[in-house]
Protein backbone atom coordinates (compact mmCIF):
# COMPACT_ATOMS: atom_id res chain seq x y z
CA MET A 1 201.31 116.58 -31.43
CA LYS A 2 199.31 113.49 -30.60
CA LEU A 3 195.56 113.72 -30.33
CA SER A 4 195.63 112.76 -26.64
CA SER A 5 198.15 115.54 -25.92
CA ALA A 6 196.02 118.09 -27.77
CA VAL A 7 192.93 117.01 -25.82
CA LEU A 8 194.87 117.33 -22.57
CA VAL A 9 196.09 120.83 -23.50
CA LEU A 10 192.56 121.90 -24.45
CA ALA A 11 191.21 120.53 -21.16
CA ALA A 12 193.86 122.42 -19.18
CA VAL A 13 193.11 125.65 -21.06
CA GLY A 14 189.39 125.13 -20.50
CA ALA A 15 189.96 124.57 -16.79
CA ALA A 16 192.11 127.72 -16.55
CA VAL A 17 189.45 129.77 -18.34
CA GLY A 18 186.82 128.35 -15.98
CA VAL A 19 188.87 129.24 -12.91
CA ALA A 20 189.54 132.76 -14.20
CA SER A 21 185.85 133.22 -14.99
CA ASN A 22 184.92 132.07 -11.49
CA VAL A 23 187.42 134.45 -9.89
CA LEU A 24 186.08 137.38 -11.93
CA ALA A 25 182.47 136.47 -11.10
CA LYS A 26 183.32 136.41 -7.38
CA ARG A 27 185.01 139.80 -7.70
CA ARG A 28 182.00 141.30 -9.51
CA HIS A 29 179.70 139.86 -6.85
CA ARG A 30 181.82 141.40 -4.05
CA GLU A 31 181.77 144.74 -5.87
CA ARG A 32 177.97 144.60 -6.21
CA LEU A 33 177.65 143.82 -2.51
CA ASP A 34 180.07 146.62 -1.71
CA PHE A 35 178.09 149.05 -3.86
CA GLY A 36 174.87 148.00 -2.14
CA GLY A 37 176.47 148.58 1.24
CA VAL A 38 177.77 151.99 0.20
CA GLU A 39 174.34 152.94 -1.10
CA LEU A 40 172.68 151.96 2.19
CA HIS A 41 175.37 153.78 4.16
CA GLN A 42 174.86 156.93 2.08
CA ARG A 43 171.10 156.78 2.71
CA LEU A 44 171.70 156.34 6.44
CA ARG A 45 173.91 159.42 6.53
CA GLU A 46 171.36 161.42 4.54
CA GLY A 47 168.73 160.42 7.08
CA VAL A 48 170.96 161.46 9.96
CA ALA A 49 171.91 164.77 8.35
CA GLY A 50 168.27 165.66 7.76
CA ASP A 51 166.94 164.93 11.26
CA GLU A 52 167.84 166.94 14.39
CA ARG A 53 167.00 164.02 16.69
CA LYS A 54 169.27 161.65 14.78
CA LEU A 55 172.03 164.25 14.78
CA ALA A 56 171.74 164.38 18.58
CA LEU A 57 172.08 160.57 18.75
CA TRP A 58 175.31 160.76 16.74
CA ASP A 59 176.76 163.54 18.89
CA LEU A 60 178.97 161.43 21.14
CA ASP A 61 181.59 164.13 21.68
CA GLY A 62 179.32 167.08 22.51
CA LEU A 63 180.09 168.79 19.21
CA GLY A 64 176.62 170.23 18.69
CA PRO A 65 174.23 169.70 15.75
CA GLU A 66 176.08 171.93 13.27
CA ARG A 67 179.45 170.19 13.68
CA VAL A 68 177.85 166.73 13.73
CA PHE A 69 176.01 167.62 10.51
CA ARG A 70 179.31 168.74 8.99
CA ASN A 71 181.05 165.52 10.11
CA VAL A 72 178.26 163.37 8.65
CA SER A 73 178.51 165.30 5.37
CA VAL A 74 182.29 164.91 5.25
CA ASN A 75 181.93 161.21 6.02
CA GLN A 76 179.56 160.91 3.04
CA GLN A 77 182.08 162.50 0.69
CA LEU A 78 184.96 160.45 2.06
CA CYS A 79 183.08 157.16 1.79
CA LEU A 80 182.07 157.87 -1.79
CA ILE A 81 185.64 158.63 -2.84
CA GLN A 82 186.90 155.61 -0.91
CA TRP A 83 184.37 153.40 -2.70
CA ARG A 84 185.39 154.79 -6.09
CA TRP A 85 189.02 153.95 -5.19
CA ARG A 86 188.05 150.51 -3.92
CA VAL A 87 186.33 149.52 -7.18
CA ARG A 88 189.16 151.02 -9.22
CA LEU A 89 187.29 153.95 -10.73
CA LEU A 90 190.18 156.13 -9.53
CA ASP A 91 193.88 155.52 -9.93
CA GLU A 92 196.30 156.74 -7.27
CA LYS A 93 197.03 160.05 -9.01
CA ALA A 94 193.32 160.92 -9.38
CA LEU A 95 192.68 159.84 -5.80
CA VAL A 96 195.37 162.18 -4.45
CA VAL A 97 193.92 165.05 -6.52
CA GLN A 98 190.50 164.43 -4.95
CA ILE A 99 191.97 164.09 -1.44
CA ARG A 100 193.83 167.39 -1.83
CA HIS A 101 190.64 169.06 -3.03
CA LEU A 102 188.73 167.76 0.00
CA LEU A 103 191.44 168.81 2.43
CA LYS A 104 191.11 172.44 1.35
CA ARG A 105 188.01 172.49 3.55
CA GLU A 106 188.41 173.10 7.26
CA GLY A 107 185.52 170.73 8.05
CA VAL A 108 187.30 167.85 6.31
CA ARG A 109 190.49 168.50 8.26
CA GLU A 110 188.48 168.69 11.50
CA TYR A 111 186.72 165.41 10.66
CA TRP A 112 190.03 163.67 9.94
CA ALA A 113 191.59 164.92 13.18
CA LEU A 114 188.63 163.48 15.11
CA HIS A 115 188.09 160.20 13.25
CA ARG A 116 191.35 159.16 11.61
CA THR A 117 192.16 156.54 14.25
CA PHE A 118 188.72 154.94 13.99
CA ARG A 119 188.82 154.95 10.19
CA THR A 120 192.25 153.33 10.25
CA ASP A 121 191.21 150.71 12.81
CA GLU A 122 188.13 149.70 10.79
CA ALA A 123 190.00 149.21 7.49
CA THR A 124 189.53 145.61 6.36
CA ASN A 125 191.74 145.24 3.32
CA ARG A 126 194.91 146.46 1.67
CA ARG A 127 193.09 148.77 -0.74
CA ASP A 128 191.26 150.57 2.10
CA ARG A 129 194.49 150.83 4.11
CA THR A 130 196.21 152.37 1.05
CA PHE A 131 193.37 154.90 0.72
CA LEU A 132 193.64 155.83 4.40
CA ARG A 133 197.44 156.04 4.25
CA LEU A 134 197.27 158.39 1.26
CA PHE A 135 194.59 160.49 2.97
CA ASP A 136 196.65 160.65 6.15
CA GLU A 137 199.81 161.62 4.25
CA GLU A 138 197.99 164.45 2.49
CA TYR A 139 196.40 165.56 5.76
CA GLU A 140 199.83 165.70 7.44
CA ARG A 141 201.21 167.66 4.47
CA VAL A 142 198.41 170.24 4.81
CA VAL A 143 198.90 170.48 8.58
CA ARG A 144 202.67 171.01 8.12
CA GLN A 145 201.97 173.75 5.56
CA ASP A 146 199.55 175.47 7.94
CA ARG A 147 202.09 175.35 10.76
CA SER A 148 204.84 176.77 8.58
CA LYS A 149 202.82 179.83 7.55
CA PRO A 150 203.99 182.98 9.34
CA ALA A 151 201.58 184.34 11.94
CA SER A 152 201.24 187.63 10.04
CA ALA A 153 200.10 185.79 6.87
CA SER A 154 197.48 183.90 8.88
CA ALA A 155 196.21 187.10 10.49
CA ALA A 156 196.06 188.87 7.11
CA ALA A 157 194.15 185.95 5.55
CA ALA A 158 191.66 185.93 8.43
CA SER A 159 190.77 189.62 8.02
């Protein structure tokens, strides 16, 4: 190989490494910004959950302070899991396990029934839409299971 060809190859490799480094740096920066936003959002929800007056401000549907508190708490959990998925701390299998665990709680199912459309409408990227699709699929699976239970089994479980 001629010296000029070798220099050209080295320059191309150097440029490719530079581009890849720049792409990774931008990704890390977006993730840091995302984490900062999640942290602020979590603090906001903690402030709302701990203040009766703020709970009243968030009660747009006349749910009452207890249900609003529960919805704010569920939203906190959901956002944290969604963030962990977004920054790839969870793979799809682990995410579904966590979603199923959350959906065992009536308050989570109630939250999703009330806010699923809004959450879907506000999704800004493919990763968030995948999270919401998986959550919705698991929610529908749980709802189908609940509907298929015989009435006598439901009555026995309630007593």
